[in-house]
Amino acid sequence: MVHHWYKLLELLVPITVRHAAIKRLLLDRGIFAPAMIVLYFSLIPLLMGSSVDATANALRARFWPALKMNWKVWTIVQYINLSYVPMQYRVLVGNCTALLWSTYLATKRQ
């Protein structure tokens, strides 16, 4: 899924556009990050048998703290990734960072 997101960013904001990396970063941080946090804090509890109400309450409690931490951690990673890393290696860079990020999220889900 992330590979397709990077391709979509390339399509929406071609490299020829002025300040392309910043514009891609804003799209990534403003659309992709919140969506992934909602999915993470919604799907896992629902798949584990949590009720919809309990999942919604937990999401409301955890969303903003997780999103703020996401912006702190991922913004610099994604800026470097979108600015300097060739397209074929962006998913790899993201996956390496995601390993640490997933560990953080797992501690917040408890």
PDB file of N, CA and C in Angstrom:
ATOM      1  N   MET A   1       0.816  -1.188   0.000  1.00  0.00           N
ATOM      2  CA  MET A   1       0.000   0.000   0.000  1.00  0.00           C
ATOM      3  C   MET A   1       0.870   1.266   0.000  1.00  0.00           C
ATOM      4  N   VAL A   2       1.951   1.257   0.747  1.00  0.00           N
ATOM      5  CA  VAL A   2       2.810   2.434   0.831  1.00  0.00           C
ATOM      6  C   VAL A   2       3.442   2.742  -0.524  1.00  0.00           C
ATOM      7  N   HIS A   3       3.818   1.687  -1.244  1.00  0.00           N
ATOM      8  CA  HIS A   3       4.393   1.876  -2.581  1.00  0.00           C
ATOM      9  C   HIS A   3       3.421   2.652  -3.475  1.00  0.00           C
ATOM     10  N   HIS A   4       2.148   2.298  -3.403  1.00  0.00           N
ATOM     11  CA  HIS A   4       1.134   2.993  -4.207  1.00  0.00           C
ATOM     12  C   HIS A   4       0.949   4.437  -3.739  1.00  0.00           C
ATOM     13  N   TRP A   5       1.075   4.662  -2.456  1.00  0.00           N
ATOM     14  CA  TRP A   5       0.984   6.025  -1.927  1.00  0.00           C
ATOM     15  C   TRP A   5       2.108   6.888  -2.485  1.00  0.00           C
ATOM     16  N   TYR A   6       3.331   6.355  -2.493  1.00  0.00           N
ATOM     17  CA  TYR A   6       4.455   7.106  -3.041  1.00  0.00           C
ATOM     18  C   TYR A   6       4.258   7.388  -4.534  1.00  0.00           C
ATOM     19  N   LYS A   7       3.731   6.414  -5.246  1.00  0.00           N
ATOM     20  CA  LYS A   7       3.458   6.636  -6.677  1.00  0.00           C
ATOM     21  C   LYS A   7       2.397   7.722  -6.858  1.00  0.00           C
ATOM     22  N   LEU A   8       1.374   7.709  -6.011  1.00  0.00           N
ATOM     23  CA  LEU A   8       0.332   8.730  -6.085  1.00  0.00           C
ATOM     24  C   LEU A   8       0.913  10.111  -5.787  1.00  0.00           C
ATOM     25  N   LEU A   9       1.783  10.202  -4.796  1.00  0.00           N
ATOM     26  CA  LEU A   9       2.426  11.482  -4.502  1.00  0.00           C
ATOM     27  C   LEU A   9       3.221  11.980  -5.704  1.00  0.00           C
ATOM     28  N   GLU A  10       3.942  11.077  -6.372  1.00  0.00           N
ATOM     29  CA  GLU A  10       4.704  11.449  -7.572  1.00  0.00           C
ATOM     30  C   GLU A  10       3.768  11.958  -8.672  1.00  0.00           C
ATOM     31  N   LEU A  11       2.615  11.323  -8.778  1.00  0.00           N
ATOM     32  CA  LEU A  11       1.637  11.717  -9.795  1.00  0.00           C
ATOM     33  C   LEU A  11       0.991  13.065  -9.446  1.00  0.00           C
ATOM     34  N   LEU A  12       0.603  13.238  -8.200  1.00  0.00           N
ATOM     35  CA  LEU A  12      -0.057  14.475  -7.771  1.00  0.00           C
ATOM     36  C   LEU A  12       0.882  15.673  -7.768  1.00  0.00           C
ATOM     37  N   VAL A  13       2.123  15.432  -7.355  1.00  0.00           N
ATOM     38  CA  VAL A  13       3.097  16.518  -7.257  1.00  0.00           C
ATOM     39  C   VAL A  13       4.381  16.081  -7.980  1.00  0.00           C
ATOM     40  N   PRO A  14       4.437  16.290  -9.283  1.00  0.00           N
ATOM     41  CA  PRO A  14       5.639  15.900 -10.030  1.00  0.00           C
ATOM     42  C   PRO A  14       6.869  16.665  -9.532  1.00  0.00           C
ATOM     43  N   ILE A  15       8.018  16.104  -9.757  1.00  0.00           N
ATOM     44  CA  ILE A  15       9.274  16.697  -9.298  1.00  0.00           C
ATOM     45  C   ILE A  15       9.505  18.078  -9.909  1.00  0.00           C
ATOM     46  N   THR A  16       8.877  18.349 -11.044  1.00  0.00           N
ATOM     47  CA  THR A  16       9.044  19.636 -11.715  1.00  0.00           C
ATOM     48  C   THR A  16       8.298  20.770 -11.011  1.00  0.00           C
ATOM     49  N   VAL A  17       7.379  20.439 -10.114  1.00  0.00           N
ATOM     50  CA  VAL A  17       6.625  21.446  -9.367  1.00  0.00           C
ATOM     51  C   VAL A  17       7.545  22.091  -8.342  1.00  0.00           C
ATOM     52  N   ARG A  18       7.439  23.392  -8.222  1.00  0.00           N
ATOM     53  CA  ARG A  18       8.259  24.115  -7.251  1.00  0.00           C
ATOM     54  C   ARG A  18       7.952  23.624  -5.841  1.00  0.00           C
ATOM     55  N   HIS A  19       8.989  23.371  -5.063  1.00  0.00           N
ATOM     56  CA  HIS A  19       8.874  22.878  -3.688  1.00  0.00           C
ATOM     57  C   HIS A  19       8.112  21.550  -3.620  1.00  0.00           C
ATOM     58  N   ALA A  20       8.372  20.669  -4.580  1.00  0.00           N
ATOM     59  CA  ALA A  20       7.653  19.391  -4.671  1.00  0.00           C
ATOM     60  C   ALA A  20       7.793  18.567  -3.389  1.00  0.00           C
ATOM     61  N   ALA A  21       8.977  18.496  -2.826  1.00  0.00           N
ATOM     62  CA  ALA A  21       9.189  17.671  -1.632  1.00  0.00           C
ATOM     63  C   ALA A  21       8.346  18.166  -0.458  1.00  0.00           C
ATOM     64  N   ILE A  22       8.274  19.475  -0.282  1.00  0.00           N
ATOM     65  CA  ILE A  22       7.475  20.038   0.818  1.00  0.00           C
ATOM     66  C   ILE A  22       5.994  19.756   0.589  1.00  0.00           C
ATOM     67  N   LYS A  23       5.536  19.911  -0.634  1.00  0.00           N
ATOM     68  CA  LYS A  23       4.125  19.661  -0.940  1.00  0.00           C
ATOM     69  C   LYS A  23       3.774  18.188  -0.742  1.00  0.00           C
ATOM     70  N   ARG A  24       4.670  17.308  -1.148  1.00  0.00           N
ATOM     71  CA  ARG A  24       4.443  15.870  -0.927  1.00  0.00           C
ATOM     72  C   ARG A  24       4.432  15.559   0.570  1.00  0.00           C
ATOM     73  N   LEU A  25       5.342  16.187   1.289  1.00  0.00           N
ATOM     74  CA  LEU A  25       5.414  15.980   2.732  1.00  0.00           C
ATOM     75  C   LEU A  25       4.110  16.424   3.410  1.00  0.00           C
ATOM     76  N   LEU A  26       3.587  17.558   3.007  1.00  0.00           N
ATOM     77  CA  LEU A  26       2.328  18.036   3.588  1.00  0.00           C
ATOM     78  C   LEU A  26       1.174  17.081   3.291  1.00  0.00           C
ATOM     79  N   LEU A  27       1.128  16.556   2.081  1.00  0.00           N
ATOM     80  CA  LEU A  27       0.093  15.564   1.750  1.00  0.00           C
ATOM     81  C   LEU A  27       0.269  14.304   2.595  1.00  0.00           C
ATOM     82  N   ASP A  28       1.505  13.852   2.708  1.00  0.00           N
ATOM     83  CA  ASP A  28       1.794  12.641   3.470  1.00  0.00           C
ATOM     84  C   ASP A  28       1.424  12.812   4.939  1.00  0.00           C
ATOM     85  N   ARG A  29       1.843  13.901   5.529  1.00  0.00           N
ATOM     86  CA  ARG A  29       1.589  14.135   6.954  1.00  0.00           C
ATOM     87  C   ARG A  29       0.133  14.477   7.226  1.00  0.00           C
ATOM     88  N   GLY A  30      -0.548  15.118   6.262  1.00  0.00           N
ATOM     89  CA  GLY A  30      -1.929  15.544   6.475  1.00  0.00           C
ATOM     90  C   GLY A  30      -2.984  14.518   6.121  1.00  0.00           C
ATOM     91  N   ILE A  31      -2.656  13.588   5.219  1.00  0.00           N
ATOM     92  CA  ILE A  31      -3.638  12.598   4.776  1.00  0.00           C
ATOM     93  C   ILE A  31      -3.245  11.185   5.205  1.00  0.00           C
ATOM     94  N   PHE A  32      -2.056  10.768   4.808  1.00  0.00           N
ATOM     95  CA  PHE A  32      -1.647   9.380   5.037  1.00  0.00           C
ATOM     96  C   PHE A  32      -1.458   9.077   6.524  1.00  0.00           C
ATOM     97  N   ALA A  33      -0.773   9.945   7.247  1.00  0.00           N
ATOM     98  CA  ALA A  33      -0.495   9.691   8.667  1.00  0.00           C
ATOM     99  C   ALA A  33      -1.775   9.538   9.493  1.00  0.00           C
ATOM    100  N   PRO A  34      -2.715  10.486   9.411  1.00  0.00           N
ATOM    101  CA  PRO A  34      -3.940  10.306  10.196  1.00  0.00           C
ATOM    102  C   PRO A  34      -4.723   9.058   9.810  1.00  0.00           C
ATOM    103  N   ALA A  35      -4.774   8.769   8.509  1.00  0.00           N
ATOM    104  CA  ALA A  35      -5.518   7.584   8.052  1.00  0.00           C
ATOM    105  C   ALA A  35      -4.906   6.304   8.608  1.00  0.00           C
ATOM    106  N   MET A  36      -3.586   6.215   8.601  1.00  0.00           N
ATOM    107  CA  MET A  36      -2.929   5.001   9.098  1.00  0.00           C
ATOM    108  C   MET A  36      -3.107   4.842  10.606  1.00  0.00           C
ATOM    109  N   ILE A  37      -3.103   5.941  11.334  1.00  0.00           N
ATOM    110  CA  ILE A  37      -3.306   5.853  12.779  1.00  0.00           C
ATOM    111  C   ILE A  37      -4.729   5.403  13.084  1.00  0.00           C
ATOM    112  N   VAL A  38      -5.695   5.952  12.372  1.00  0.00           N
ATOM    113  CA  VAL A  38      -7.086   5.518  12.563  1.00  0.00           C
ATOM    114  C   VAL A  38      -7.217   4.030  12.254  1.00  0.00           C
ATOM    115  N   LEU A  39      -6.642   3.592  11.153  1.00  0.00           N
ATOM    116  CA  LEU A  39      -6.708   2.161  10.809  1.00  0.00           C
ATOM    117  C   LEU A  39      -6.061   1.302  11.887  1.00  0.00           C
ATOM    118  N   TYR A  40      -4.901   1.707  12.353  1.00  0.00           N
ATOM    119  CA  TYR A  40      -4.184   0.919  13.352  1.00  0.00           C
ATOM    120  C   TYR A  40      -4.994   0.796  14.645  1.00  0.00           C
ATOM    121  N   PHE A  41      -5.486   1.918  15.137  1.00  0.00           N
ATOM    122  CA  PHE A  41      -6.211   1.891  16.404  1.00  0.00           C
ATOM    123  C   PHE A  41      -7.646   1.404  16.273  1.00  0.00           C
ATOM    124  N   SER A  42      -8.122   1.187  15.052  1.00  0.00           N
ATOM    125  CA  SER A  42      -9.477   0.675  14.846  1.00  0.00           C
ATOM    126  C   SER A  42      -9.482  -0.798  14.471  1.00  0.00           C
ATOM    127  N   LEU A  43      -8.709  -1.150  13.466  1.00  0.00           N
ATOM    128  CA  LEU A  43      -8.764  -2.511  12.952  1.00  0.00           C
ATOM    129  C   LEU A  43      -8.249  -3.556  13.931  1.00  0.00           C
ATOM    130  N   ILE A  44      -7.150  -3.287  14.564  1.00  0.00           N
ATOM    131  CA  ILE A  44      -6.578  -4.292  15.467  1.00  0.00           C
ATOM    132  C   ILE A  44      -7.536  -4.626  16.615  1.00  0.00           C
ATOM    133  N   PRO A  45      -8.079  -3.630  17.327  1.00  0.00           N
ATOM    134  CA  PRO A  45      -9.027  -3.986  18.396  1.00  0.00           C
ATOM    135  C   PRO A  45     -10.275  -4.701  17.871  1.00  0.00           C
ATOM    136  N   LEU A  46     -10.793  -4.253  16.725  1.00  0.00           N
ATOM    137  CA  LEU A  46     -11.981  -4.908  16.180  1.00  0.00           C
ATOM    138  C   LEU A  46     -11.682  -6.354  15.803  1.00  0.00           C
ATOM    139  N   LEU A  47     -10.528  -6.604  15.221  1.00  0.00           N
ATOM    140  CA  LEU A  47     -10.150  -7.969  14.862  1.00  0.00           C
ATOM    141  C   LEU A  47      -9.891  -8.833  16.091  1.00  0.00           C
ATOM    142  N   MET A  48      -9.552  -8.180  17.196  1.00  0.00           N
ATOM    143  CA  MET A  48      -9.327  -8.912  18.447  1.00  0.00           C
ATOM    144  C   MET A  48     -10.622  -9.099  19.240  1.00  0.00           C
ATOM    145  N   GLY A  49     -11.741  -8.636  18.683  1.00  0.00           N
ATOM    146  CA  GLY A  49     -13.037  -8.862  19.318  1.00  0.00           C
ATOM    147  C   GLY A  49     -13.573  -7.728  20.149  1.00  0.00           C
ATOM    148  N   SER A  50     -12.942  -6.585  20.122  1.00  0.00           N
ATOM    149  CA  SER A  50     -13.438  -5.428  20.868  1.00  0.00           C
ATOM    150  C   SER A  50     -14.749  -4.932  20.255  1.00  0.00           C
ATOM    151  N   SER A  51     -15.573  -4.339  21.062  1.00  0.00           N
ATOM    152  CA  SER A  51     -16.816  -3.774  20.538  1.00  0.00           C
ATOM    153  C   SER A  51     -16.512  -2.487  19.773  1.00  0.00           C
ATOM    154  N   VAL A  52     -17.447  -2.084  18.941  1.00  0.00           N
ATOM    155  CA  VAL A  52     -17.284  -0.856  18.169  1.00  0.00           C
ATOM    156  C   VAL A  52     -17.210   0.345  19.110  1.00  0.00           C
ATOM    157  N   ASP A  53     -18.039   0.366  20.140  1.00  0.00           N
ATOM    158  CA  ASP A  53     -18.024   1.476  21.101  1.00  0.00           C
ATOM    159  C   ASP A  53     -16.692   1.566  21.845  1.00  0.00           C
ATOM    160  N   ALA A  54     -16.196   0.431  22.308  1.00  0.00           N
ATOM    161  CA  ALA A  54     -14.916   0.432  23.028  1.00  0.00           C
ATOM    162  C   ALA A  54     -13.783   0.867  22.106  1.00  0.00           C
ATOM    163  N   THR A  55     -13.827   0.409  20.857  1.00  0.00           N
ATOM    164  CA  THR A  55     -12.801   0.793  19.883  1.00  0.00           C
ATOM    165  C   THR A  55     -12.852   2.284  19.597  1.00  0.00           C
ATOM    166  N   ALA A  56     -14.058   2.815  19.429  1.00  0.00           N
ATOM    167  CA  ALA A  56     -14.217   4.249  19.163  1.00  0.00           C
ATOM    168  C   ALA A  56     -13.729   5.081  20.339  1.00  0.00           C
ATOM    169  N   ASN A  57     -14.041   4.660  21.548  1.00  0.00           N
ATOM    170  CA  ASN A  57     -13.578   5.386  22.741  1.00  0.00           C
ATOM    171  C   ASN A  57     -12.058   5.356  22.848  1.00  0.00           C
ATOM    172  N   ALA A  58     -11.473   4.205  22.598  1.00  0.00           N
ATOM    173  CA  ALA A  58     -10.011   4.092  22.650  1.00  0.00           C
ATOM    174  C   ALA A  58      -9.367   4.933  21.557  1.00  0.00           C
ATOM    175  N   LEU A  59      -9.966   4.944  20.382  1.00  0.00           N
ATOM    176  CA  LEU A  59      -9.436   5.753  19.287  1.00  0.00           C
ATOM    177  C   LEU A  59      -9.461   7.234  19.649  1.00  0.00           C
ATOM    178  N   ARG A  60     -10.563   7.687  20.218  1.00  0.00           N
ATOM    179  CA  ARG A  60     -10.658   9.093  20.625  1.00  0.00           C
ATOM    180  C   ARG A  60      -9.580   9.450  21.653  1.00  0.00           C
ATOM    181  N   ALA A  61      -9.301   8.540  22.545  1.00  0.00           N
ATOM    182  CA  ALA A  61      -8.311   8.809  23.598  1.00  0.00           C
ATOM    183  C   ALA A  61      -6.880   8.771  23.079  1.00  0.00           C
ATOM    184  N   ARG A  62      -6.611   7.947  22.077  1.00  0.00           N
ATOM    185  CA  ARG A  62      -5.227   7.714  21.635  1.00  0.00           C
ATOM    186  C   ARG A  62      -4.843   8.436  20.358  1.00  0.00           C
ATOM    187  N   PHE A  63      -5.815   8.891  19.584  1.00  0.00           N
ATOM    188  CA  PHE A  63      -5.526   9.428  18.256  1.00  0.00           C
ATOM    189  C   PHE A  63      -4.591  10.631  18.287  1.00  0.00           C
ATOM    190  N   TRP A  64      -4.965  11.697  19.009  1.00  0.00           N
ATOM    191  CA  TRP A  64      -4.160  12.923  18.991  1.00  0.00           C
ATOM    192  C   TRP A  64      -2.754  12.735  19.548  1.00  0.00           C
ATOM    193  N   PRO A  65      -2.591  12.064  20.685  1.00  0.00           N
ATOM    194  CA  PRO A  65      -1.214  11.840  21.156  1.00  0.00           C
ATOM    195  C   PRO A  65      -0.364  11.058  20.145  1.00  0.00           C
ATOM    196  N   ALA A  66      -0.974  10.046  19.529  1.00  0.00           N
ATOM    197  CA  ALA A  66      -0.229   9.254  18.543  1.00  0.00           C
ATOM    198  C   ALA A  66       0.078  10.077  17.300  1.00  0.00           C
ATOM    199  N   LEU A  67      -0.870  10.891  16.846  1.00  0.00           N
ATOM    200  CA  LEU A  67      -0.641  11.703  15.655  1.00  0.00           C
ATOM    201  C   LEU A  67       0.452  12.745  15.910  1.00  0.00           C
ATOM    202  N   LYS A  68       0.417  13.369  17.068  1.00  0.00           N
ATOM    203  CA  LYS A  68       1.461  14.352  17.385  1.00  0.00           C
ATOM    204  C   LYS A  68       2.842  13.706  17.429  1.00  0.00           C
ATOM    205  N   MET A  69       2.925  12.525  18.021  1.00  0.00           N
ATOM    206  CA  MET A  69       4.210  11.824  18.048  1.00  0.00           C
ATOM    207  C   MET A  69       4.605  11.389  16.634  1.00  0.00           C
ATOM    208  N   ASN A  70       3.630  10.985  15.838  1.00  0.00           N
ATOM    209  CA  ASN A  70       3.894  10.624  14.436  1.00  0.00           C
ATOM    210  C   ASN A  70       4.513  11.800  13.701  1.00  0.00           C
ATOM    211  N   TRP A  71       3.946  12.968  13.875  1.00  0.00           N
ATOM    212  CA  TRP A  71       4.477  14.154  13.202  1.00  0.00           C
ATOM    213  C   TRP A  71       5.903  14.453  13.667  1.00  0.00           C
ATOM    214  N   LYS A  72       6.187  14.230  14.940  1.00  0.00           N
ATOM    215  CA  LYS A  72       7.536  14.479  15.451  1.00  0.00           C
ATOM    216  C   LYS A  72       8.550  13.503  14.867  1.00  0.00           C
ATOM    217  N   VAL A  73       8.186  12.241  14.817  1.00  0.00           N
ATOM    218  CA  VAL A  73       9.118  11.207  14.368  1.00  0.00           C
ATOM    219  C   VAL A  73       9.208  11.133  12.845  1.00  0.00           C
ATOM    220  N   TRP A  74       8.059  11.062  12.199  1.00  0.00           N
ATOM    221  CA  TRP A  74       8.033  10.761  10.772  1.00  0.00           C
ATOM    222  C   TRP A  74       8.283  11.960   9.868  1.00  0.00           C
ATOM    223  N   THR A  75       8.072  13.168  10.332  1.00  0.00           N
ATOM    224  CA  THR A  75       8.211  14.318   9.437  1.00  0.00           C
ATOM    225  C   THR A  75       9.623  14.427   8.882  1.00  0.00           C
ATOM    226  N   ILE A  76      10.621  14.330   9.729  1.00  0.00           N
ATOM    227  CA  ILE A  76      11.997  14.427   9.240  1.00  0.00           C
ATOM    228  C   ILE A  76      12.360  13.217   8.382  1.00  0.00           C
ATOM    229  N   VAL A  77      11.908  12.034   8.799  1.00  0.00           N
ATOM    230  CA  VAL A  77      12.176  10.822   8.013  1.00  0.00           C
ATOM    231  C   VAL A  77      11.560  10.952   6.623  1.00  0.00           C
ATOM    232  N   GLN A  78      10.311  11.378   6.572  1.00  0.00           N
ATOM    233  CA  GLN A  78       9.637  11.485   5.287  1.00  0.00           C
ATOM    234  C   GLN A  78      10.195  12.632   4.438  1.00  0.00           C
ATOM    235  N   TYR A  79      10.636  13.699   5.069  1.00  0.00           N
ATOM    236  CA  TYR A  79      11.248  14.774   4.287  1.00  0.00           C
ATOM    237  C   TYR A  79      12.500  14.257   3.579  1.00  0.00           C
ATOM    238  N   ILE A  80      13.340  13.568   4.322  1.00  0.00           N
ATOM    239  CA  ILE A  80      14.550  12.989   3.719  1.00  0.00           C
ATOM    240  C   ILE A  80      14.167  11.952   2.671  1.00  0.00           C
ATOM    241  N   ASN A  81      13.213  11.114   3.019  1.00  0.00           N
ATOM    242  CA  ASN A  81      12.770  10.050   2.110  1.00  0.00           C
ATOM    243  C   ASN A  81      12.235  10.621   0.795  1.00  0.00           C
ATOM    244  N   LEU A  82      11.380  11.622   0.884  1.00  0.00           N
ATOM    245  CA  LEU A  82      10.752  12.189  -0.314  1.00  0.00           C
ATOM    246  C   LEU A  82      11.683  13.124  -1.083  1.00  0.00           C
ATOM    247  N   SER A  83      12.707  13.632  -0.424  1.00  0.00           N
ATOM    248  CA  SER A  83      13.613  14.582  -1.064  1.00  0.00           C
ATOM    249  C   SER A  83      14.836  13.935  -1.687  1.00  0.00           C
ATOM    250  N   TYR A  84      15.397  12.954  -0.996  1.00  0.00           N
ATOM    251  CA  TYR A  84      16.712  12.457  -1.390  1.00  0.00           C
ATOM    252  C   TYR A  84      16.781  10.973  -1.743  1.00  0.00           C
ATOM    253  N   VAL A  85      15.847  10.197  -1.267  1.00  0.00           N
ATOM    254  CA  VAL A  85      15.904   8.745  -1.492  1.00  0.00           C
ATOM    255  C   VAL A  85      15.248   8.416  -2.832  1.00  0.00           C
ATOM    256  N   PRO A  86      15.936   7.624  -3.672  1.00  0.00           N
ATOM    257  CA  PRO A  86      15.317   7.230  -4.948  1.00  0.00           C
ATOM    258  C   PRO A  86      14.023   6.451  -4.704  1.00  0.00           C
ATOM    259  N   MET A  87      13.098   6.579  -5.638  1.00  0.00           N
ATOM    260  CA  MET A  87      11.761   5.991  -5.510  1.00  0.00           C
ATOM    261  C   MET A  87      11.819   4.508  -5.122  1.00  0.00           C
ATOM    262  N   GLN A  88      12.730   3.747  -5.708  1.00  0.00           N
ATOM    263  CA  GLN A  88      12.758   2.309  -5.470  1.00  0.00           C
ATOM    264  C   GLN A  88      13.195   1.940  -4.048  1.00  0.00           C
ATOM    265  N   TYR A  89      13.749   2.895  -3.281  1.00  0.00           N
ATOM    266  CA  TYR A  89      14.188   2.616  -1.915  1.00  0.00           C
ATOM    267  C   TYR A  89      13.321   3.278  -0.842  1.00  0.00           C
ATOM    268  N   ARG A  90      12.327   4.028  -1.237  1.00  0.00           N
ATOM    269  CA  ARG A  90      11.511   4.750  -0.250  1.00  0.00           C
ATOM    270  C   ARG A  90      10.749   3.822   0.678  1.00  0.00           C
ATOM    271  N   VAL A  91      10.217   2.750   0.145  1.00  0.00           N
ATOM    272  CA  VAL A  91       9.482   1.807   0.989  1.00  0.00           C
ATOM    273  C   VAL A  91      10.431   1.163   2.003  1.00  0.00           C
ATOM    274  N   LEU A  92      11.634   0.848   1.586  1.00  0.00           N
ATOM    275  CA  LEU A  92      12.622   0.258   2.496  1.00  0.00           C
ATOM    276  C   LEU A  92      12.944   1.207   3.649  1.00  0.00           C
ATOM    277  N   VAL A  93      13.181   2.463   3.339  1.00  0.00           N
ATOM    278  CA  VAL A  93      13.456   3.454   4.392  1.00  0.00           C
ATOM    279  C   VAL A  93      12.256   3.557   5.332  1.00  0.00           C
ATOM    280  N   GLY A  94      11.078   3.618   4.751  1.00  0.00           N
ATOM    281  CA  GLY A  94       9.870   3.689   5.565  1.00  0.00           C
ATOM    282  C   GLY A  94       9.676   2.458   6.430  1.00  0.00           C
ATOM    283  N   ASN A  95       9.954   1.286   5.882  1.00  0.00           N
ATOM    284  CA  ASN A  95       9.785   0.051   6.650  1.00  0.00           C
ATOM    285  C   ASN A  95      10.767  -0.040   7.812  1.00  0.00           C
ATOM    286  N   CYS A  96      11.982   0.416   7.608  1.00  0.00           N
ATOM    287  CA  CYS A  96      12.958   0.410   8.703  1.00  0.00           C
ATOM    288  C   CYS A  96      12.495   1.324   9.840  1.00  0.00           C
ATOM    289  N   THR A  97      12.005   2.488   9.497  1.00  0.00           N
ATOM    290  CA  THR A  97      11.485   3.408  10.507  1.00  0.00           C
ATOM    291  C   THR A  97      10.204   2.853  11.127  1.00  0.00           C
ATOM    292  N   ALA A  98       9.388   2.207  10.311  1.00  0.00           N
ATOM    293  CA  ALA A  98       8.110   1.665  10.783  1.00  0.00           C
ATOM    294  C   ALA A  98       8.297   0.586  11.841  1.00  0.00           C
ATOM    295  N   LEU A  99       9.401  -0.122  11.783  1.00  0.00           N
ATOM    296  CA  LEU A  99       9.663  -1.133  12.801  1.00  0.00           C
ATOM    297  C   LEU A  99       9.711  -0.486  14.189  1.00  0.00           C
ATOM    298  N   LEU A 100      10.420   0.622  14.287  1.00  0.00           N
ATOM    299  CA  LEU A 100      10.487   1.347  15.558  1.00  0.00           C
ATOM    300  C   LEU A 100       9.152   2.001  15.898  1.00  0.00           C
ATOM    301  N   TRP A 101       8.506   2.573  14.889  1.00  0.00           N
ATOM    302  CA  TRP A 101       7.221   3.248  15.096  1.00  0.00           C
ATOM    303  C   TRP A 101       6.154   2.270  15.568  1.00  0.00           C
ATOM    304  N   SER A 102       6.126   1.081  14.996  1.00  0.00           N
ATOM    305  CA  SER A 102       5.140   0.070  15.397  1.00  0.00           C
ATOM    306  C   SER A 102       5.339  -0.351  16.841  1.00  0.00           C
ATOM    307  N   THR A 103       6.579  -0.408  17.265  1.00  0.00           N
ATOM    308  CA  THR A 103       6.862  -0.722  18.658  1.00  0.00           C
ATOM    309  C   THR A 103       6.294   0.365  19.566  1.00  0.00           C
ATOM    310  N   TYR A 104       6.475   1.613  19.177  1.00  0.00           N
ATOM    311  CA  TYR A 104       5.901   2.713  19.958  1.00  0.00           C
ATOM    312  C   TYR A 104       4.377   2.613  20.010  1.00  0.00           C
ATOM    313  N   LEU A 105       3.746   2.390  18.843  1.00  0.00           N
ATOM    314  CA  LEU A 105       2.285   2.299  18.813  1.00  0.00           C
ATOM    315  C   LEU A 105       1.773   1.135  19.660  1.00  0.00           C
ATOM    316  N   ALA A 106       2.472   0.038  19.628  1.00  0.00           N
ATOM    317  CA  ALA A 106       2.048  -1.120  20.411  1.00  0.00           C
ATOM    318  C   ALA A 106       2.045  -0.802  21.904  1.00  0.00           C
ATOM    319  N   THR A 107       3.003   0.012  22.337  1.00  0.00           N
ATOM    320  CA  THR A 107       3.009   0.381  23.751  1.00  0.00           C
ATOM    321  C   THR A 107       1.846   1.305  24.087  1.00  0.00           C
ATOM    322  N   LYS A 108       1.397   2.099  23.110  1.00  0.00           N
ATOM    323  CA  LYS A 108       0.280   3.018  23.339  1.00  0.00           C
ATOM    324  C   LYS A 108      -1.067   2.305  23.264  1.00  0.00           C
ATOM    325  N   ARG A 109      -1.115   1.167  22.616  1.00  0.00           N
ATOM    326  CA  ARG A 109      -2.359   0.439  22.450  1.00  0.00           C
ATOM    327  C   ARG A 109      -2.737  -0.295  23.728  1.00  0.00           C
ATOM    328  N   GLN A 110      -1.772  -0.507  24.596  1.00  0.00           N
ATOM    329  CA  GLN A 110      -2.013  -1.266  25.836  1.00  0.00           C
ATOM    330  C   GLN A 110      -2.894  -0.513  26.782  1.00  0.00           C
TER     331      GLN A 110
END
